[in-house]
N, C-alpha and C. Protein backbone atom coordinates (compact mmCIF):
# COMPACT_ATOMS: atom_id res chain seq x y z
N MET A 1 0.87 -1.08 0.03
CA MET A 1 0.00 -0.01 0.08
C MET A 1 0.80 1.19 0.05
N ASN A 2 0.50 2.23 -0.59
CA ASN A 2 1.05 3.73 -0.62
C ASN A 2 0.98 4.25 0.69
N ARG A 3 2.07 4.59 1.50
CA ARG A 3 2.03 5.24 2.78
C ARG A 3 3.06 6.30 2.43
N THR A 4 2.64 7.34 1.73
CA THR A 4 3.59 8.43 1.75
C THR A 4 4.05 9.10 2.83
N ARG A 5 3.23 9.16 3.84
CA ARG A 5 3.41 10.00 5.11
C ARG A 5 4.33 9.44 6.00
N HIS A 6 4.86 8.05 5.70
CA HIS A 6 6.04 7.63 6.31
C HIS A 6 7.18 7.60 5.60
N ALA A 7 8.22 8.06 6.16
CA ALA A 7 9.47 8.27 5.68
C ALA A 7 10.34 6.86 5.52
N ALA A 8 10.04 5.99 6.11
CA ALA A 8 10.85 4.87 6.09
C ALA A 8 9.97 3.33 6.46
N VAL A 9 10.66 2.20 5.94
CA VAL A 9 9.82 1.25 6.07
C VAL A 9 10.92 0.00 6.50
N THR A 10 10.56 -0.96 7.21
CA THR A 10 11.61 -1.92 7.52
C THR A 10 11.17 -3.12 7.04
N ILE A 11 12.11 -3.62 6.30
CA ILE A 11 11.97 -4.83 5.43
C ILE A 11 12.74 -6.02 5.98
N VAL A 12 12.04 -7.04 6.28
CA VAL A 12 12.75 -8.48 7.11
C VAL A 12 12.32 -9.49 5.75
N ALA A 13 13.36 -10.41 5.71
CA ALA A 13 12.93 -11.50 4.98
C ALA A 13 13.67 -12.78 5.90
N ALA A 14 12.70 -13.85 5.67
CA ALA A 14 13.13 -15.16 6.72
C ALA A 14 12.84 -16.19 5.93
N LEU A 15 13.39 -17.24 6.28
CA LEU A 15 13.02 -18.67 5.65
C LEU A 15 12.08 -19.35 6.67
N VAL A 16 11.03 -19.73 6.08
CA VAL A 16 10.07 -20.56 6.96
C VAL A 16 10.60 -22.05 6.44
N LEU A 17 11.06 -22.80 7.57
CA LEU A 17 11.65 -24.00 7.24
C LEU A 17 10.64 -25.21 7.07
N THR A 18 9.27 -25.08 7.68
CA THR A 18 8.46 -26.17 7.18
C THR A 18 7.22 -25.36 6.68
N ALA A 19 6.21 -26.23 6.59
CA ALA A 19 4.89 -25.79 6.02
C ALA A 19 4.02 -25.92 7.26
N GLY A 20 4.55 -25.26 8.60
CA GLY A 20 4.09 -25.83 9.75
C GLY A 20 2.61 -25.19 9.91
N ALA A 21 2.20 -25.66 11.21
CA ALA A 21 0.76 -25.35 11.32
C ALA A 21 0.25 -24.23 11.86
N THR A 22 1.32 -23.20 11.93
CA THR A 22 0.84 -21.76 12.17
C THR A 22 1.70 -20.85 11.36
N THR A 23 1.06 -19.87 11.05
CA THR A 23 1.90 -18.61 10.64
C THR A 23 2.73 -17.86 11.54
N SER A 24 3.72 -17.15 11.07
CA SER A 24 4.57 -16.72 12.19
C SER A 24 5.33 -15.50 11.75
N TYR A 25 5.56 -14.63 12.36
CA TYR A 25 6.73 -13.43 12.01
C TYR A 25 8.11 -13.80 11.86
N ALA A 26 9.02 -13.03 11.59
CA ALA A 26 10.43 -13.72 11.23
C ALA A 26 11.01 -13.94 12.55
N ASP A 27 10.57 -13.71 13.88
CA ASP A 27 11.32 -13.96 14.98
C ASP A 27 10.59 -15.39 15.41
N GLY A 28 9.76 -15.96 14.60
CA GLY A 28 9.16 -17.28 14.84
C GLY A 28 7.92 -17.11 15.66
N THR A 29 7.33 -15.94 16.21
CA THR A 29 6.20 -15.86 16.94
C THR A 29 4.97 -16.16 16.21
N PRO A 30 4.14 -17.05 16.86
CA PRO A 30 3.08 -17.28 16.13
C PRO A 30 2.07 -15.92 15.95
N SER A 31 1.43 -15.58 14.71
CA SER A 31 0.75 -14.54 14.65
C SER A 31 -0.74 -14.70 14.38
N SER A 32 -1.00 -15.92 14.20
CA SER A 32 -2.51 -16.36 14.03
C SER A 32 -2.65 -17.85 13.92
N PRO A 33 -3.76 -18.30 14.17
CA PRO A 33 -3.99 -19.80 14.12
C PRO A 33 -3.71 -20.47 12.82
N PRO A 34 -3.48 -21.88 12.84
CA PRO A 34 -3.26 -22.38 11.46
C PRO A 34 -4.43 -21.94 10.07
N LEU A 35 -3.53 -21.65 9.07
CA LEU A 35 -4.40 -21.20 7.93
C LEU A 35 -4.75 -22.68 7.32
N PRO A 36 -6.19 -22.70 6.62
CA PRO A 36 -6.57 -23.94 5.91
C PRO A 36 -5.53 -24.39 4.91
N GLY A 37 -5.22 -25.71 5.00
CA GLY A 37 -4.35 -26.25 4.11
C GLY A 37 -2.79 -26.29 4.54
N THR A 38 -2.49 -25.75 5.58
CA THR A 38 -1.11 -25.60 6.07
C THR A 38 -0.63 -26.42 7.18
N GLU A 39 -1.50 -27.46 7.17
CA GLU A 39 -1.16 -28.49 8.41
C GLU A 39 0.16 -29.17 7.88
N ALA A 40 1.17 -29.31 9.00
CA ALA A 40 2.36 -29.96 8.65
C ALA A 40 2.15 -31.49 8.14
N THR A 41 2.89 -31.78 7.10
CA THR A 41 3.08 -33.29 6.70
C THR A 41 4.49 -33.66 6.67
N THR A 42 4.50 -35.05 6.62
CA THR A 42 5.74 -35.63 6.71
C THR A 42 5.90 -36.23 5.33
N ASP A 43 7.21 -36.51 5.02
CA ASP A 43 7.39 -37.05 3.56
C ASP A 43 7.90 -38.46 3.88
N PRO A 44 7.36 -39.42 3.47
CA PRO A 44 7.75 -40.83 3.63
C PRO A 44 8.80 -41.42 2.94
N SER A 45 9.11 -40.70 1.96
CA SER A 45 10.29 -41.13 0.88
C SER A 45 11.68 -41.28 1.42
N VAL A 46 11.97 -40.41 2.53
CA VAL A 46 13.19 -40.45 3.12
C VAL A 46 13.20 -41.64 4.28
N LYS A 47 14.00 -42.65 4.25
CA LYS A 47 14.02 -43.59 5.38
C LYS A 47 15.29 -43.56 6.13
N VAL A 48 15.29 -43.21 7.44
CA VAL A 48 16.35 -43.23 8.13
C VAL A 48 16.65 -44.30 9.08
N ASP A 49 17.66 -44.98 9.28
CA ASP A 49 18.05 -46.24 10.07
C ASP A 49 18.34 -45.50 11.54
N GLY A 50 17.54 -45.72 12.24
CA GLY A 50 17.50 -44.93 13.56
C GLY A 50 18.54 -45.77 14.45
N THR A 51 19.07 -47.06 14.08
CA THR A 51 19.86 -47.89 14.83
C THR A 51 21.44 -47.47 14.46
N SER A 52 21.59 -46.94 13.43
CA SER A 52 23.04 -46.55 12.94
C SER A 52 23.61 -45.52 13.67
N PRO A 53 24.76 -45.63 14.17
CA PRO A 53 25.56 -44.65 14.77
C PRO A 53 25.89 -43.33 14.19
N ASN A 54 25.85 -43.61 12.76
CA ASN A 54 26.06 -42.41 11.85
C ASN A 54 24.80 -41.87 11.33
N LEU A 55 23.52 -42.33 11.64
CA LEU A 55 22.38 -42.06 11.21
C LEU A 55 22.50 -42.14 9.44
N LYS A 56 23.09 -43.00 9.05
CA LYS A 56 22.92 -43.17 7.61
C LYS A 56 21.54 -43.75 7.04
N LEU A 57 21.29 -43.50 5.86
CA LEU A 57 20.08 -43.88 5.24
C LEU A 57 20.39 -45.59 5.01
N ALA A 58 19.00 -45.96 5.34
CA ALA A 58 19.08 -47.51 5.29
C ALA A 58 19.28 -48.03 3.85
N GLU A 59 19.80 -49.24 3.65
CA GLU A 59 20.06 -49.73 2.47
C GLU A 59 18.88 -49.59 1.45
N GLY A 60 19.05 -48.99 0.38
CA GLY A 60 18.02 -48.83 -0.70
C GLY A 60 17.24 -47.66 -0.36
N GLY A 61 17.67 -46.79 0.58
CA GLY A 61 16.88 -45.67 0.65
C GLY A 61 17.21 -44.63 -0.22
N THR A 62 16.37 -43.58 -0.52
CA THR A 62 16.62 -42.50 -1.39
C THR A 62 16.29 -41.30 -0.63
N LEU A 63 16.76 -40.01 -1.10
CA LEU A 63 16.56 -38.84 -0.79
C LEU A 63 15.16 -38.32 -1.49
N ALA A 64 14.59 -37.58 -0.62
CA ALA A 64 13.27 -36.81 -1.20
C ALA A 64 13.76 -35.93 -2.31
N ALA A 65 12.68 -35.65 -3.03
CA ALA A 65 12.85 -34.50 -4.01
C ALA A 65 13.33 -33.36 -3.41
N PRO A 66 14.04 -32.35 -3.97
CA PRO A 66 14.28 -31.03 -3.49
C PRO A 66 13.07 -30.22 -3.55
N LYS A 67 13.04 -29.28 -2.44
CA LYS A 67 11.91 -28.25 -2.24
C LYS A 67 12.46 -27.03 -2.13
N VAL A 68 11.79 -26.07 -2.64
CA VAL A 68 11.94 -24.78 -2.44
C VAL A 68 11.25 -24.25 -1.11
N LEU A 69 12.19 -23.87 -0.24
CA LEU A 69 11.56 -23.26 0.96
C LEU A 69 10.57 -22.12 0.88
N ASP A 70 9.75 -21.98 1.56
CA ASP A 70 8.86 -20.51 1.71
C ASP A 70 9.57 -19.68 2.09
N ILE A 71 9.68 -18.48 1.57
CA ILE A 71 10.38 -17.11 1.76
C ILE A 71 9.27 -16.22 2.14
N LYS A 72 9.63 -15.54 3.57
CA LYS A 72 8.55 -14.62 4.04
C LYS A 72 9.25 -13.17 4.12
N ALA A 73 8.71 -12.34 3.52
CA ALA A 73 9.14 -10.88 3.58
C ALA A 73 8.03 -10.11 4.33
N ILE A 74 8.54 -9.32 5.08
CA ILE A 74 7.72 -8.62 6.12
C ILE A 74 8.03 -6.98 5.87
N VAL A 75 7.03 -6.09 5.68
CA VAL A 75 7.20 -4.87 5.48
C VAL A 75 6.32 -4.08 6.61
N GLU A 76 6.99 -3.22 7.39
CA GLU A 76 6.31 -2.42 8.43
C GLU A 76 6.51 -0.88 8.18
N ASP A 77 5.37 -0.29 8.48
CA ASP A 77 5.73 1.19 8.42
C ASP A 77 6.43 1.85 9.65
N GLN A 78 6.88 3.03 9.45
CA GLN A 78 7.88 3.54 10.46
C GLN A 78 7.39 3.43 12.00
N GLY A 79 6.00 3.76 12.08
CA GLY A 79 5.64 3.59 13.37
C GLY A 79 5.19 2.37 13.83
N GLY A 80 5.12 1.28 13.15
CA GLY A 80 4.79 0.08 13.29
C GLY A 80 3.07 -0.24 13.40
N GLU A 81 2.52 0.83 12.89
CA GLU A 81 1.07 0.77 12.92
C GLU A 81 0.48 -0.12 12.07
N GLU A 82 1.19 -0.54 10.88
CA GLU A 82 0.72 -1.49 9.77
C GLU A 82 1.77 -2.29 9.44
N ARG A 83 1.62 -3.66 9.32
CA ARG A 83 2.66 -4.61 9.05
C ARG A 83 1.99 -5.63 7.91
N ARG A 84 2.75 -5.70 6.85
CA ARG A 84 2.35 -6.47 5.75
C ARG A 84 3.48 -7.66 5.80
N SER A 85 2.88 -8.97 5.74
CA SER A 85 3.73 -10.25 5.60
C SER A 85 3.37 -11.06 4.58
N ASP A 86 4.44 -11.28 3.47
CA ASP A 86 4.15 -12.10 2.36
C ASP A 86 4.96 -13.29 2.27
N THR A 87 4.16 -14.38 1.99
CA THR A 87 4.80 -15.58 1.68
C THR A 87 4.68 -15.99 0.26
N ASN A 88 5.15 -17.19 -0.21
CA ASN A 88 4.94 -17.75 -1.49
C ASN A 88 3.31 -17.90 -1.79
N THR A 89 2.51 -18.05 -0.69
CA THR A 89 1.28 -18.57 -0.68
C THR A 89 0.18 -17.56 -0.15
N ASN A 90 0.64 -16.80 0.81
CA ASN A 90 -0.32 -16.03 1.50
C ASN A 90 0.20 -14.51 1.69
N VAL A 91 -0.88 -13.60 2.03
CA VAL A 91 -0.80 -12.27 2.29
C VAL A 91 -1.33 -11.90 3.73
N THR A 92 -0.61 -11.27 4.65
CA THR A 92 -1.40 -10.95 5.93
C THR A 92 -0.85 -9.57 6.15
N PHE A 93 -2.04 -8.65 6.53
CA PHE A 93 -1.90 -7.55 6.97
C PHE A 93 -2.40 -7.32 8.24
N ALA A 94 -1.52 -6.71 9.18
CA ALA A 94 -1.81 -6.55 10.68
C ALA A 94 -1.89 -5.05 10.84
N LEU A 95 -3.02 -4.60 11.57
CA LEU A 95 -3.30 -3.17 11.81
C LEU A 95 -3.41 -3.03 13.21
N GLN A 96 -2.55 -2.21 13.85
CA GLN A 96 -2.62 -1.90 15.24
C GLN A 96 -4.12 -1.23 15.72
N ALA A 97 -4.56 -1.70 16.42
CA ALA A 97 -6.00 -1.33 17.11
C ALA A 97 -6.13 0.42 17.05
N GLU A 98 -4.87 0.84 17.59
CA GLU A 98 -5.08 2.31 17.84
C GLU A 98 -5.34 3.25 16.51
N VAL A 99 -4.94 2.60 15.43
CA VAL A 99 -5.28 3.24 14.13
C VAL A 99 -6.63 2.95 13.48
N LEU A 100 -7.29 2.16 14.18
CA LEU A 100 -8.81 1.87 13.77
C LEU A 100 -9.63 2.20 14.74
N PHE A 101 -9.43 2.12 16.00
CA PHE A 101 -10.53 2.37 16.87
C PHE A 101 -10.04 3.15 18.14
N ALA A 102 -11.11 3.73 19.00
CA ALA A 102 -10.77 4.29 20.05
C ALA A 102 -10.45 3.26 21.22
N MET A 103 -9.83 3.71 22.30
CA MET A 103 -9.79 2.59 23.37
C MET A 103 -10.97 1.76 23.93
N ASP A 104 -10.78 0.66 23.82
CA ASP A 104 -11.95 -0.25 24.23
C ASP A 104 -13.36 -0.06 23.32
N SER A 105 -12.95 0.20 22.10
CA SER A 105 -14.23 0.54 21.25
C SER A 105 -14.06 -0.25 20.00
N ALA A 106 -15.13 -0.68 19.37
CA ALA A 106 -15.15 -1.33 18.14
C ALA A 106 -15.75 -0.54 17.06
N ALA A 107 -15.83 0.78 17.44
CA ALA A 107 -16.27 1.63 16.19
C ALA A 107 -15.05 2.28 15.31
N LEU A 108 -15.14 1.93 14.11
CA LEU A 108 -13.90 2.58 13.13
C LEU A 108 -13.81 4.15 13.35
N SER A 109 -12.32 4.26 13.48
CA SER A 109 -12.02 5.86 13.64
C SER A 109 -12.20 6.53 12.11
N SER A 110 -11.98 7.72 12.10
CA SER A 110 -12.23 8.33 10.85
C SER A 110 -11.00 8.14 9.95
N ASP A 111 -9.87 7.86 10.59
CA ASP A 111 -8.66 7.48 9.81
C ASP A 111 -8.50 6.09 9.46
N ALA A 112 -9.33 5.05 9.98
CA ALA A 112 -9.42 3.79 9.62
C ALA A 112 -9.62 3.30 8.05
N ASN A 113 -10.61 4.31 7.33
CA ASN A 113 -10.90 3.87 6.08
C ASN A 113 -9.88 3.69 4.92
N ASP A 114 -9.04 4.72 5.01
CA ASP A 114 -8.03 4.69 4.05
C ASP A 114 -7.08 3.44 4.04
N ARG A 115 -6.91 3.04 5.45
CA ARG A 115 -5.92 1.80 5.36
C ARG A 115 -6.55 0.57 4.98
N ILE A 116 -8.05 0.54 5.58
CA ILE A 116 -8.69 -0.79 4.96
C ILE A 116 -9.05 -0.77 3.57
N GLN A 117 -9.35 0.35 2.95
CA GLN A 117 -9.43 0.31 1.44
C GLN A 117 -8.15 0.01 0.65
N GLY A 118 -7.13 0.19 1.30
CA GLY A 118 -5.82 -0.16 0.86
C GLY A 118 -5.72 -1.64 0.82
N ILE A 119 -6.07 -2.44 1.93
CA ILE A 119 -6.18 -3.71 1.73
C ILE A 119 -6.94 -4.34 0.90
N ALA A 120 -8.25 -3.75 0.78
CA ALA A 120 -9.24 -4.17 -0.13
C ALA A 120 -8.54 -4.01 -1.57
N ALA A 121 -7.68 -3.05 -1.99
CA ALA A 121 -7.44 -2.89 -3.26
C ALA A 121 -6.26 -4.00 -3.40
N GLU A 122 -5.67 -4.38 -2.38
CA GLU A 122 -4.73 -5.63 -2.66
C GLU A 122 -5.50 -7.04 -3.01
N ILE A 123 -6.55 -7.11 -2.20
CA ILE A 123 -7.50 -8.40 -2.33
C ILE A 123 -7.96 -8.44 -3.78
N LYS A 124 -8.37 -7.16 -4.16
CA LYS A 124 -8.83 -7.19 -5.74
C LYS A 124 -7.72 -7.51 -6.55
N LYS A 125 -6.47 -7.04 -6.29
CA LYS A 125 -5.38 -7.29 -7.21
C LYS A 125 -5.04 -8.66 -7.25
N GLN A 126 -5.14 -9.35 -6.13
CA GLN A 126 -4.74 -10.93 -5.99
C GLN A 126 -5.99 -11.67 -6.27
N ARG A 127 -7.09 -11.12 -6.81
CA ARG A 127 -8.38 -11.65 -7.23
C ARG A 127 -8.74 -12.91 -6.42
N GLU A 128 -8.53 -12.78 -5.06
CA GLU A 128 -8.96 -13.71 -4.03
C GLU A 128 -10.33 -13.31 -3.50
N THR A 129 -11.26 -14.59 -3.41
CA THR A 129 -12.56 -14.43 -2.94
C THR A 129 -12.93 -14.98 -1.62
N SER A 130 -11.61 -15.20 -0.99
CA SER A 130 -11.88 -15.80 0.45
C SER A 130 -10.96 -15.13 1.41
N VAL A 131 -11.55 -14.52 2.35
CA VAL A 131 -10.56 -13.55 3.17
C VAL A 131 -10.77 -13.90 4.71
N ARG A 132 -9.84 -14.07 5.63
CA ARG A 132 -9.88 -14.11 7.08
C ARG A 132 -9.78 -13.01 7.64
N VAL A 133 -10.48 -12.46 8.66
CA VAL A 133 -10.27 -11.38 9.40
C VAL A 133 -10.23 -11.64 10.96
N PHE A 134 -9.20 -11.44 11.58
CA PHE A 134 -9.15 -12.30 12.90
C PHE A 134 -8.70 -10.74 13.83
N GLY A 135 -9.51 -10.62 14.92
CA GLY A 135 -9.15 -9.71 15.92
C GLY A 135 -8.21 -10.24 17.10
N PHE A 136 -7.49 -9.44 17.71
CA PHE A 136 -6.58 -9.94 18.95
C PHE A 136 -6.73 -8.72 19.87
N THR A 137 -6.54 -8.75 21.20
CA THR A 137 -6.27 -7.85 22.17
C THR A 137 -4.99 -8.07 22.85
N ASP A 138 -4.73 -7.26 23.93
CA ASP A 138 -3.59 -7.58 24.71
C ASP A 138 -4.16 -8.46 25.94
N ASN A 139 -3.41 -8.46 27.11
CA ASN A 139 -3.84 -9.23 28.03
C ASN A 139 -4.37 -8.71 29.27
N LEU A 140 -4.62 -7.44 29.11
CA LEU A 140 -5.30 -6.61 30.09
C LEU A 140 -6.87 -6.89 30.07
N GLY A 141 -7.43 -6.86 31.27
CA GLY A 141 -8.89 -7.37 31.37
C GLY A 141 -9.23 -8.88 31.37
N THR A 142 -10.33 -9.08 31.22
CA THR A 142 -10.72 -10.42 31.15
C THR A 142 -10.57 -11.15 29.97
N HIS A 143 -10.37 -12.34 29.75
CA HIS A 143 -10.41 -13.10 28.47
C HIS A 143 -11.74 -12.95 27.88
N GLU A 144 -12.71 -13.08 28.48
CA GLU A 144 -14.07 -13.06 27.94
C GLU A 144 -14.44 -11.78 27.43
N HIS A 145 -14.00 -10.66 28.07
CA HIS A 145 -14.10 -9.34 27.48
C HIS A 145 -13.28 -9.22 26.08
N GLY A 146 -12.01 -9.69 26.34
CA GLY A 146 -11.24 -9.60 25.13
C GLY A 146 -11.81 -10.41 23.76
N VAL A 147 -12.32 -11.76 24.10
CA VAL A 147 -13.01 -12.22 23.07
C VAL A 147 -14.05 -11.45 22.41
N ILE A 148 -14.82 -10.82 23.14
CA ILE A 148 -16.08 -10.18 22.48
C ILE A 148 -15.37 -8.93 21.76
N LEU A 149 -14.51 -8.24 22.42
CA LEU A 149 -14.08 -6.84 21.83
C LEU A 149 -13.18 -7.32 20.44
N SER A 150 -12.43 -8.29 20.52
CA SER A 150 -11.62 -8.82 19.30
C SER A 150 -12.56 -8.97 18.09
N LYS A 151 -13.57 -9.89 18.53
CA LYS A 151 -14.54 -10.24 17.55
C LYS A 151 -15.37 -9.05 16.96
N GLU A 152 -15.79 -8.23 17.67
CA GLU A 152 -16.44 -7.01 17.28
C GLU A 152 -15.54 -6.10 16.43
N ARG A 153 -14.31 -6.10 16.61
CA ARG A 153 -13.35 -5.24 16.06
C ARG A 153 -13.02 -5.80 14.57
N ALA A 154 -13.17 -7.20 14.59
CA ALA A 154 -12.87 -7.98 13.15
C ALA A 154 -14.00 -7.78 12.36
N ASP A 155 -15.42 -7.83 12.92
CA ASP A 155 -16.57 -7.63 12.49
C ASP A 155 -16.61 -6.30 11.72
N ALA A 156 -16.08 -5.15 12.34
CA ALA A 156 -16.18 -3.90 11.87
C ALA A 156 -15.34 -3.80 10.66
N VAL A 157 -13.99 -4.47 10.77
CA VAL A 157 -13.39 -4.40 9.66
C VAL A 157 -13.78 -5.01 8.36
N GLN A 158 -14.40 -6.22 8.55
CA GLN A 158 -14.94 -7.20 7.73
C GLN A 158 -16.00 -6.26 6.93
N LYS A 159 -16.85 -5.64 7.77
CA LYS A 159 -17.92 -4.76 6.99
C LYS A 159 -17.58 -3.64 6.08
N ALA A 160 -16.16 -2.92 6.48
CA ALA A 160 -15.81 -2.05 5.75
C ALA A 160 -15.13 -2.54 4.51
N LEU A 161 -14.41 -3.77 4.52
CA LEU A 161 -13.80 -4.58 3.38
C LEU A 161 -15.03 -4.77 2.32
N SER A 162 -16.17 -5.29 2.92
CA SER A 162 -17.00 -5.72 1.93
C SER A 162 -17.97 -4.66 1.25
N LEU A 163 -17.76 -3.63 1.73
CA LEU A 163 -18.33 -2.39 1.02
C LEU A 163 -17.51 -2.24 -0.36
N SER A 164 -16.22 -2.49 -0.26
CA SER A 164 -15.50 -2.44 -1.59
C SER A 164 -15.27 -3.67 -2.29
N LEU A 165 -15.33 -4.93 -1.69
CA LEU A 165 -15.14 -6.15 -2.43
C LEU A 165 -16.48 -6.69 -2.95
N GLY A 166 -17.70 -6.60 -2.50
CA GLY A 166 -18.89 -7.07 -2.81
C GLY A 166 -19.07 -8.29 -2.39
N PRO A 167 -20.35 -9.02 -2.69
CA PRO A 167 -20.78 -10.07 -2.23
C PRO A 167 -20.23 -11.42 -2.62
N GLU A 168 -19.42 -11.35 -3.80
CA GLU A 168 -18.55 -12.77 -4.23
C GLU A 168 -17.45 -12.90 -3.28
N VAL A 169 -17.07 -12.14 -2.46
CA VAL A 169 -16.05 -12.24 -1.44
C VAL A 169 -16.55 -12.93 -0.18
N THR A 170 -16.26 -13.94 0.36
CA THR A 170 -16.53 -14.66 1.58
C THR A 170 -15.56 -14.41 2.67
N PHE A 171 -15.95 -14.32 4.00
CA PHE A 171 -15.05 -13.87 5.07
C PHE A 171 -15.18 -14.96 6.09
N GLU A 172 -14.13 -15.30 6.78
CA GLU A 172 -14.10 -15.92 8.11
C GLU A 172 -13.53 -14.96 9.10
N ILE A 173 -14.45 -14.95 10.21
CA ILE A 173 -14.21 -13.81 11.16
C ILE A 173 -13.96 -14.37 12.53
N ARG A 174 -13.10 -14.18 13.23
CA ARG A 174 -12.82 -14.59 14.71
C ARG A 174 -12.18 -13.69 15.47
N GLY A 175 -12.36 -13.75 16.75
CA GLY A 175 -11.94 -12.91 17.85
C GLY A 175 -11.02 -13.75 18.71
N TYR A 176 -9.92 -13.57 18.96
CA TYR A 176 -8.96 -14.62 19.83
C TYR A 176 -8.58 -13.76 21.03
N ALA A 177 -9.02 -12.77 21.45
CA ALA A 177 -8.50 -12.03 22.66
C ALA A 177 -7.07 -11.81 22.91
N GLU A 178 -6.49 -12.28 23.71
CA GLU A 178 -4.81 -12.24 24.05
C GLU A 178 -4.30 -13.20 23.54
N ASP A 179 -4.87 -14.27 22.94
CA ASP A 179 -4.18 -15.47 22.28
C ASP A 179 -3.33 -15.09 21.07
N TYR A 180 -2.14 -15.72 20.62
CA TYR A 180 -1.43 -15.46 19.55
C TYR A 180 -0.76 -14.19 19.69
N PRO A 181 -0.16 -13.80 20.87
CA PRO A 181 0.76 -12.42 20.84
C PRO A 181 1.95 -12.43 19.82
N ILE A 182 2.13 -11.24 19.09
CA ILE A 182 3.43 -11.01 18.46
C ILE A 182 4.26 -10.31 19.11
N SER A 183 4.01 -9.96 20.49
CA SER A 183 5.15 -9.20 21.33
C SER A 183 4.78 -9.51 22.78
N ASP A 184 5.81 -8.87 23.72
CA ASP A 184 5.52 -9.17 24.95
C ASP A 184 4.62 -8.44 25.74
N ASN A 185 3.61 -8.81 26.43
CA ASN A 185 2.51 -8.17 26.92
C ASN A 185 2.98 -7.60 28.26
N ALA A 186 4.18 -7.76 28.54
CA ALA A 186 4.76 -7.05 30.07
C ALA A 186 5.11 -5.71 29.71
N THR A 187 5.13 -5.17 28.47
CA THR A 187 5.30 -3.67 28.34
C THR A 187 4.15 -3.03 27.54
N GLU A 188 3.81 -1.75 27.66
CA GLU A 188 2.94 -1.03 26.86
C GLU A 188 3.32 -1.04 25.36
N ASP A 189 4.56 -0.93 24.77
CA ASP A 189 4.86 -1.21 23.62
C ASP A 189 4.59 -2.57 23.07
N GLY A 190 4.66 -3.60 23.59
CA GLY A 190 4.33 -4.90 23.22
C GLY A 190 2.81 -5.00 23.06
N ARG A 191 2.00 -4.62 24.26
CA ARG A 191 0.60 -4.74 24.16
C ARG A 191 0.26 -3.96 23.27
N LYS A 192 0.58 -2.76 22.66
CA LYS A 192 0.17 -2.00 21.57
C LYS A 192 0.50 -2.76 20.32
N LYS A 193 1.39 -3.51 20.14
CA LYS A 193 1.42 -4.47 19.04
C LYS A 193 0.54 -5.62 18.98
N ASN A 194 0.06 -6.16 20.03
CA ASN A 194 -0.66 -7.20 20.34
C ASN A 194 -2.15 -6.85 19.93
N ARG A 195 -2.60 -5.60 20.24
CA ARG A 195 -3.74 -5.11 19.98
C ARG A 195 -3.94 -4.92 18.55
N ARG A 196 -4.54 -5.68 17.65
CA ARG A 196 -4.63 -5.59 16.13
C ARG A 196 -5.63 -6.31 15.59
N VAL A 197 -5.82 -6.12 14.34
CA VAL A 197 -6.68 -6.85 13.54
C VAL A 197 -5.85 -7.37 12.16
N GLU A 198 -5.87 -8.55 11.86
CA GLU A 198 -5.25 -9.19 10.89
C GLU A 198 -6.21 -9.60 9.74
N VAL A 199 -5.73 -9.17 8.48
CA VAL A 199 -6.47 -9.46 7.43
C VAL A 199 -5.70 -10.58 6.68
N SER A 200 -5.92 -11.66 6.26
CA SER A 200 -5.09 -12.65 5.54
C SER A 200 -5.94 -13.31 4.26
N PHE A 201 -5.17 -13.56 3.34
CA PHE A 201 -5.78 -14.22 2.12
C PHE A 201 -4.73 -14.85 1.36
N THR A 202 -5.31 -16.01 0.60
CA THR A 202 -4.33 -16.63 -0.42
C THR A 202 -3.83 -15.73 -1.45
N ARG A 203 -2.62 -15.80 -1.85
CA ARG A 203 -2.07 -15.06 -2.93
C ARG A 203 -2.87 -15.73 -4.23
N GLY A 204 -3.32 -14.96 -4.81
CA GLY A 204 -4.13 -15.31 -6.05
C GLY A 204 -3.40 -15.17 -7.32
N SER A 205 -4.37 -15.12 -8.44
CA SER A 205 -3.72 -15.09 -9.77
C SER A 205 -3.23 -13.88 -10.33
N GLY A 206 -3.53 -12.72 -9.26
CA GLY A 206 -3.11 -11.25 -9.47
C GLY A 206 -1.58 -11.01 -9.41
N GLY A 207 -0.79 -11.83 -8.72
CA GLY A 207 0.71 -11.78 -8.54
C GLY A 207 1.07 -12.02 -7.24
């Protein structure tokens, strides 16, 4: 997205060593629950003799076909208010709650629309018709309140997205409260990062 008001971005690239059951940021911290179709699998074509002191392949064993590891690129605006994570298969936007909502509110602020419409434009570009919108809070307050608030915030973002995307796009909407933090809840800076709404979708035919 075009963020001309920010003077710099931080770009981080990391290798994801498996097709594991969770998405994660470059430091390995889970950012959201498993995406559909990303459950880890094992390749039975490689047989290892566990009794060998050198762990050599058993007689007749063969190596699996080479694989291209998934590459993750992360772009974050200067203030950390918006973060985009790209892999070979998925795109995820994380927006801090402060740029979308007032404290303890699920009503979108006047500044939220531009950011949400930027995400909608990327979904259109990718020609994707299935979108996940997940809400998260910090660990202050009760878990029950966090679940309600995070779900209401995800609902608000979904409604704003649907105005641009139309009825052909379907949404999965969930609120996870303080689950799946991306930073340390022991500090206010960390809690600020954890209070967020994530919009994710499969990379489509648009590039």
